[in-house]
PDB file of N, CA and C in Angstrom:
ATOM      1  N   MET A   1     127.647 105.405 103.926  1.00  0.00           N
ATOM      2  CA  MET A   1     126.987 104.322 104.588  1.00  0.00           C
ATOM      3  C   MET A   1     125.507 104.339 104.180  1.00  0.00           C
ATOM      4  N   ILE A   2     124.947 103.184 104.065  1.00  0.00           N
ATOM      5  CA  ILE A   2     123.523 103.038 103.750  1.00  0.00           C
ATOM      6  C   ILE A   2     122.749 102.887 105.056  1.00  0.00           C
ATOM      7  N   GLU A   3     121.717 103.677 105.227  1.00  0.00           N
ATOM      8  CA  GLU A   3     120.856 103.569 106.402  1.00  0.00           C
ATOM      9  C   GLU A   3     119.460 103.130 105.969  1.00  0.00           C
ATOM     10  N   PHE A   4     118.880 102.281 106.773  1.00  0.00           N
ATOM     11  CA  PHE A   4     117.520 101.816 106.521  1.00  0.00           C
ATOM     12  C   PHE A   4     116.530 102.739 107.204  1.00  0.00           C
ATOM     13  N   LYS A   5     115.431 103.006 106.530  1.00  0.00           N
ATOM     14  CA  LYS A   5     114.407 103.899 107.063  1.00  0.00           C
ATOM     15  C   LYS A   5     113.069 103.170 107.266  1.00  0.00           C
ATOM     16  N   LEU A   6     113.154 101.863 107.476  1.00  0.00           N
ATOM     17  CA  LEU A   6     111.938 101.079 107.624  1.00  0.00           C
ATOM     18  C   LEU A   6     111.138 101.510 108.851  1.00  0.00           C
ATOM     19  N   ASP A   7     111.816 101.806 109.948  1.00  0.00           N
ATOM     20  CA  ASP A   7     111.089 102.259 111.136  1.00  0.00           C
ATOM     21  C   ASP A   7     110.298 103.530 110.854  1.00  0.00           C
ATOM     22  N   ASP A   8     110.893 104.428 110.071  1.00  0.00           N
ATOM     23  CA  ASP A   8     110.189 105.661 109.714  1.00  0.00           C
ATOM     24  C   ASP A   8     108.914 105.349 108.926  1.00  0.00           C
ATOM     25  N   LEU A   9     109.024 104.423 107.980  1.00  0.00           N
ATOM     26  CA  LEU A   9     107.850 104.039 107.184  1.00  0.00           C
ATOM     27  C   LEU A   9     106.775 103.408 108.063  1.00  0.00           C
ATOM     28  N   LEU A  10     107.191 102.528 108.957  1.00  0.00           N
ATOM     29  CA  LEU A  10     106.229 101.893 109.855  1.00  0.00           C
ATOM     30  C   LEU A  10     105.496 102.944 110.675  1.00  0.00           C
ATOM     31  N   TRP A  11     106.235 103.909 111.192  1.00  0.00           N
ATOM     32  CA  TRP A  11     105.648 104.969 112.005  1.00  0.00           C
ATOM     33  C   TRP A  11     104.690 105.834 111.171  1.00  0.00           C
ATOM     34  N   GLU A  12     105.165 106.276 110.003  1.00  0.00           N
ATOM     35  CA  GLU A  12     104.358 107.152 109.142  1.00  0.00           C
ATOM     36  C   GLU A  12     103.070 106.481 108.682  1.00  0.00           C
ATOM     37  N   ARG A  13     103.175 105.198 108.355  1.00  0.00           N
ATOM     38  CA  ARG A  13     102.013 104.480 107.816  1.00  0.00           C
ATOM     39  C   ARG A  13     101.200 103.787 108.901  1.00  0.00           C
ATOM     40  N   ARG A  14     101.642 103.919 110.132  1.00  0.00           N
ATOM     41  CA  ARG A  14     100.965 103.304 111.280  1.00  0.00           C
ATOM     42  C   ARG A  14     100.771 101.800 111.077  1.00  0.00           C
ATOM     43  N   LYS A  15     101.874 101.163 110.740  1.00  0.00           N
ATOM     44  CA  LYS A  15     101.894  99.718 110.539  1.00  0.00           C
ATOM     45  C   LYS A  15     102.820  99.076 111.553  1.00  0.00           C
ATOM     46  N   THR A  16     102.610  97.802 111.802  1.00  0.00           N
ATOM     47  CA  THR A  16     103.505  97.057 112.675  1.00  0.00           C
ATOM     48  C   THR A  16     104.349  96.113 111.825  1.00  0.00           C
ATOM     49  N   ALA A  17     105.459  95.676 112.391  1.00  0.00           N
ATOM     50  CA  ALA A  17     106.304  94.707 111.694  1.00  0.00           C
ATOM     51  C   ALA A  17     105.525  93.414 111.452  1.00  0.00           C
ATOM     52  N   GLU A  18     104.664  93.076 112.383  1.00  0.00           N
ATOM     53  CA  GLU A  18     103.835  91.869 112.232  1.00  0.00           C
ATOM     54  C   GLU A  18     102.912  91.987 111.015  1.00  0.00           C
ATOM     55  N   GLU A  19     102.313  93.149 110.823  1.00  0.00           N
ATOM     56  CA  GLU A  19     101.448  93.358 109.653  1.00  0.00           C
ATOM     57  C   GLU A  19     102.248  93.230 108.356  1.00  0.00           C
ATOM     58  N   VAL A  20     103.441  93.802 108.345  1.00  0.00           N
ATOM     59  CA  VAL A  20     104.296  93.715 107.156  1.00  0.00           C
ATOM     60  C   VAL A  20     104.678  92.267 106.901  1.00  0.00           C
ATOM     61  N   LYS A  21     105.050  91.564 107.949  1.00  0.00           N
ATOM     62  CA  LYS A  21     105.421  90.148 107.832  1.00  0.00           C
ATOM     63  C   LYS A  21     104.283  89.325 107.235  1.00  0.00           C
ATOM     64  N   MET A  22     103.104  89.509 107.754  1.00  0.00           N
ATOM     65  CA  MET A  22     101.956  88.726 107.290  1.00  0.00           C
ATOM     66  C   MET A  22     101.595  89.051 105.839  1.00  0.00           C
ATOM     67  N   ALA A  23     101.706  90.308 105.459  1.00  0.00           N
ATOM     68  CA  ALA A  23     101.316  90.718 104.106  1.00  0.00           C
ATOM     69  C   ALA A  23     102.374  90.405 103.050  1.00  0.00           C
ATOM     70  N   THR A  24     103.638  90.395 103.444  1.00  0.00           N
ATOM     71  CA  THR A  24     104.709  90.247 102.455  1.00  0.00           C
ATOM     72  C   THR A  24     105.394  88.890 102.472  1.00  0.00           C
ATOM     73  N   GLY A  25     105.300  88.189 103.595  1.00  0.00           N
ATOM     74  CA  GLY A  25     106.015  86.924 103.720  1.00  0.00           C
ATOM     75  C   GLY A  25     107.479  87.104 104.113  1.00  0.00           C
ATOM     76  N   ILE A  26     107.886  88.337 104.378  1.00  0.00           N
ATOM     77  CA  ILE A  26     109.255  88.586 104.840  1.00  0.00           C
ATOM     78  C   ILE A  26     109.333  88.133 106.297  1.00  0.00           C
ATOM     79  N   SER A  27     110.364  87.386 106.636  1.00  0.00           N
ATOM     80  CA  SER A  27     110.450  86.824 107.980  1.00  0.00           C
ATOM     81  C   SER A  27     110.620  87.914 109.035  1.00  0.00           C
ATOM     82  N   ALA A  28     110.189  87.584 110.235  1.00  0.00           N
ATOM     83  CA  ALA A  28     110.324  88.514 111.357  1.00  0.00           C
ATOM     84  C   ALA A  28     111.795  88.826 111.613  1.00  0.00           C
ATOM     85  N   ALA A  29     112.656  87.831 111.462  1.00  0.00           N
ATOM     86  CA  ALA A  29     114.091  88.029 111.679  1.00  0.00           C
ATOM     87  C   ALA A  29     114.667  89.020 110.672  1.00  0.00           C
ATOM     88  N   THR A  30     114.278  88.886 109.401  1.00  0.00           N
ATOM     89  CA  THR A  30     114.768  89.804 108.373  1.00  0.00           C
ATOM     90  C   THR A  30     114.279  91.218 108.638  1.00  0.00           C
ATOM     91  N   LEU A  31     113.014  91.369 108.968  1.00  0.00           N
ATOM     92  CA  LEU A  31     112.476  92.697 109.280  1.00  0.00           C
ATOM     93  C   LEU A  31     113.177  93.306 110.487  1.00  0.00           C
ATOM     94  N   SER A  32     113.420  92.496 111.507  1.00  0.00           N
ATOM     95  CA  SER A  32     114.114  92.977 112.694  1.00  0.00           C
ATOM     96  C   SER A  32     115.537  93.427 112.350  1.00  0.00           C
ATOM     97  N   ASN A  33     116.229  92.642 111.540  1.00  0.00           N
ATOM     98  CA  ASN A  33     117.591  93.002 111.135  1.00  0.00           C
ATOM     99  C   ASN A  33     117.610  94.302 110.341  1.00  0.00           C
ATOM    100  N   ILE A  34     116.656  94.472 109.466  1.00  0.00           N
ATOM    101  CA  ILE A  34     116.574  95.712 108.683  1.00  0.00           C
ATOM    102  C   ILE A  34     116.296  96.888 109.624  1.00  0.00           C
ATOM    103  N   ARG A  35     115.353  96.722 110.502  1.00  0.00           N
ATOM    104  CA  ARG A  35     114.977  97.803 111.421  1.00  0.00           C
ATOM    105  C   ARG A  35     116.131  98.187 112.337  1.00  0.00           C
ATOM    106  N   ASN A  36     116.956  97.220 112.701  1.00  0.00           N
ATOM    107  CA  ASN A  36     118.083  97.476 113.605  1.00  0.00           C
ATOM    108  C   ASN A  36     119.385  97.771 112.868  1.00  0.00           C
ATOM    109  N   GLY A  37     119.316  97.843 111.538  1.00  0.00           N
ATOM    110  CA  GLY A  37     120.505  98.149 110.748  1.00  0.00           C
ATOM    111  C   GLY A  37     121.524  97.033 110.730  1.00  0.00           C
ATOM    112  N   LYS A  38     121.119  95.822 111.056  1.00  0.00           N
ATOM    113  CA  LYS A  38     122.045  94.694 111.101  1.00  0.00           C
ATOM    114  C   LYS A  38     122.119  93.924 109.787  1.00  0.00           C
ATOM    115  N   ASN A  39     121.131  94.127 108.930  1.00  0.00           N
ATOM    116  CA  ASN A  39     121.092  93.388 107.675  1.00  0.00           C
ATOM    117  C   ASN A  39     121.850  94.184 106.615  1.00  0.00           C
ATOM    118  N   THR A  40     123.054  93.763 106.318  1.00  0.00           N
ATOM    119  CA  THR A  40     123.859  94.480 105.329  1.00  0.00           C
ATOM    120  C   THR A  40     123.717  93.881 103.942  1.00  0.00           C
ATOM    121  N   ASN A  41     122.915  92.854 103.815  1.00  0.00           N
ATOM    122  CA  ASN A  41     122.790  92.157 102.539  1.00  0.00           C
ATOM    123  C   ASN A  41     121.313  91.912 102.207  1.00  0.00           C
ATOM    124  N   ILE A  42     120.543  92.976 102.114  1.00  0.00           N
ATOM    125  CA  ILE A  42     119.116  92.859 101.824  1.00  0.00           C
ATOM    126  C   ILE A  42     118.941  92.528 100.336  1.00  0.00           C
ATOM    127  N   SER A  43     118.071  91.595 100.060  1.00  0.00           N
ATOM    128  CA  SER A  43     117.879  91.170  98.671  1.00  0.00           C
ATOM    129  C   SER A  43     116.972  92.134  97.911  1.00  0.00           C
ATOM    130  N   ILE A  44     117.133  92.130  96.606  1.00  0.00           N
ATOM    131  CA  ILE A  44     116.268  92.930  95.737  1.00  0.00           C
ATOM    132  C   ILE A  44     114.825  92.459  95.883  1.00  0.00           C
ATOM    133  N   LYS A  45     114.641  91.175  96.057  1.00  0.00           N
ATOM    134  CA  LYS A  45     113.304  90.611  96.226  1.00  0.00           C
ATOM    135  C   LYS A  45     112.623  91.191  97.476  1.00  0.00           C
ATOM    136  N   THR A  46     113.381  91.297  98.572  1.00  0.00           N
ATOM    137  CA  THR A  46     112.842  91.866  99.804  1.00  0.00           C
ATOM    138  C   THR A  46     112.509  93.340  99.618  1.00  0.00           C
ATOM    139  N   LEU A  47     113.414  94.077  98.980  1.00  0.00           N
ATOM    140  CA  LEU A  47     113.141  95.489  98.693  1.00  0.00           C
ATOM    141  C   LEU A  47     111.890  95.640  97.837  1.00  0.00           C
ATOM    142  N   ASP A  48     111.761  94.780  96.847  1.00  0.00           N
ATOM    143  CA  ASP A  48     110.593  94.815  95.970  1.00  0.00           C
ATOM    144  C   ASP A  48     109.303  94.591  96.762  1.00  0.00           C
ATOM    145  N   LYS A  49     109.325  93.610  97.657  1.00  0.00           N
ATOM    146  CA  LYS A  49     108.139  93.327  98.474  1.00  0.00           C
ATOM    147  C   LYS A  49     107.789  94.516  99.365  1.00  0.00           C
ATOM    148  N   LEU A  50     108.804  95.133  99.960  1.00  0.00           N
ATOM    149  CA  LEU A  50     108.549  96.288 100.820  1.00  0.00           C
ATOM    150  C   LEU A  50     108.002  97.464 100.021  1.00  0.00           C
ATOM    151  N   CYS A  51     108.571  97.708  98.850  1.00  0.00           N
ATOM    152  CA  CYS A  51     108.088  98.809  98.003  1.00  0.00           C
ATOM    153  C   CYS A  51     106.650  98.577  97.561  1.00  0.00           C
ATOM    154  N   LYS A  52     106.326  97.348  97.202  1.00  0.00           N
ATOM    155  CA  LYS A  52     104.949  97.033  96.803  1.00  0.00           C
ATOM    156  C   LYS A  52     103.996  97.220  97.979  1.00  0.00           C
ATOM    157  N   TYR A  53     104.393  96.746  99.142  1.00  0.00           N
ATOM    158  CA  TYR A  53     103.525  96.838 100.320  1.00  0.00           C
ATOM    159  C   TYR A  53     103.260  98.293 100.705  1.00  0.00           C
ATOM    160  N   PHE A  54     104.317  99.095 100.742  1.00  0.00           N
ATOM    161  CA  PHE A  54     104.181 100.484 101.165  1.00  0.00           C
ATOM    162  C   PHE A  54     103.848 101.438 100.017  1.00  0.00           C
ATOM    163  N   HIS A  55     103.820 100.926  98.773  1.00  0.00           N
ATOM    164  CA  HIS A  55     103.598 101.776  97.601  1.00  0.00           C
ATOM    165  C   HIS A  55     104.592 102.936  97.624  1.00  0.00           C
ATOM    166  N   CYS A  56     105.871 102.568  97.686  1.00  0.00           N
ATOM    167  CA  CYS A  56     106.912 103.586  97.813  1.00  0.00           C
ATOM    168  C   CYS A  56     108.093 103.266  96.904  1.00  0.00           C
ATOM    169  N   ARG A  57     109.085 104.116  96.950  1.00  0.00           N
ATOM    170  CA  ARG A  57     110.325 103.927  96.198  1.00  0.00           C
ATOM    171  C   ARG A  57     111.388 103.321  97.111  1.00  0.00           C
ATOM    172  N   VAL A  58     112.407 102.760  96.492  1.00  0.00           N
ATOM    173  CA  VAL A  58     113.524 102.220  97.263  1.00  0.00           C
ATOM    174  C   VAL A  58     114.132 103.321  98.132  1.00  0.00           C
ATOM    175  N   SER A  59     114.179 104.537  97.626  1.00  0.00           N
ATOM    176  CA  SER A  59     114.757 105.653  98.379  1.00  0.00           C
ATOM    177  C   SER A  59     113.946 105.999  99.633  1.00  0.00           C
ATOM    178  N   ASP A  60     112.731 105.489  99.733  1.00  0.00           N
ATOM    179  CA  ASP A  60     111.945 105.676 100.948  1.00  0.00           C
ATOM    180  C   ASP A  60     112.340 104.658 102.024  1.00  0.00           C
ATOM    181  N   ILE A  61     113.065 103.625 101.602  1.00  0.00           N
ATOM    182  CA  ILE A  61     113.481 102.555 102.512  1.00  0.00           C
ATOM    183  C   ILE A  61     114.972 102.647 102.845  1.00  0.00           C
ATOM    184  N   LEU A  62     115.764 103.054 101.854  1.00  0.00           N
ATOM    185  CA  LEU A  62     117.214 103.164 102.011  1.00  0.00           C
ATOM    186  C   LEU A  62     117.662 104.592 101.769  1.00  0.00           C
ATOM    187  N   GLU A  63     118.726 104.971 102.481  1.00  0.00           N
ATOM    188  CA  GLU A  63     119.269 106.309 102.279  1.00  0.00           C
ATOM    189  C   GLU A  63     120.787 106.241 102.397  1.00  0.00           C
ATOM    190  N   TYR A  64     121.476 106.905 101.468  1.00  0.00           N
ATOM    191  CA  TYR A  64     122.929 107.000 101.548  1.00  0.00           C
ATOM    192  C   TYR A  64     123.295 108.201 102.400  1.00  0.00           C
ATOM    193  N   VAL A  65     124.103 107.949 103.422  1.00  0.00           N
ATOM    194  CA  VAL A  65     124.590 109.013 104.305  1.00  0.00           C
ATOM    195  C   VAL A  65     126.110 108.943 104.275  1.00  0.00           C
ATOM    196  N   PRO A  66     126.760 109.999 103.780  1.00  0.00           N
ATOM    197  CA  PRO A  66     128.227 109.968 103.719  1.00  0.00           C
ATOM    198  C   PRO A  66     128.845 109.776 105.105  1.00  0.00           C
ATOM    199  N   ASP A  67     129.932 109.017 105.151  1.00  0.00           N
ATOM    200  CA  ASP A  67     130.673 108.842 106.394  1.00  0.00           C
ATOM    201  C   ASP A  67     131.322 110.154 106.791  1.00  0.00           C
ATOM    202  N   ILE A  68     131.311 110.445 108.066  1.00  0.00           N
ATOM    203  CA  ILE A  68     131.981 111.650 108.561  1.00  0.00           C
ATOM    204  C   ILE A  68     133.426 111.282 108.861  1.00  0.00           C
ATOM    205  N   GLN A  69     134.338 112.043 108.267  1.00  0.00           N
ATOM    206  CA  GLN A  69     135.759 111.729 108.463  1.00  0.00           C
ATOM    207  C   GLN A  69     136.469 112.846 109.149  1.00  0.00           C
TER     208      GLN A  69
END
């Protein structure tokens, strides 16, 4: 399963979702869905904007966690 780590980045960088929205143009709804793990279809464009904003790698935003069986 893929887990989003956007909340961790926001906390570490002391940023708000509103600041990210204003700087990147990513909608509040999209950011909320990512933060709540509801967005299963995040675009490469959105990932690119987040990486540019946070000066980070995709792996800082997404993480693969194996399913426990």
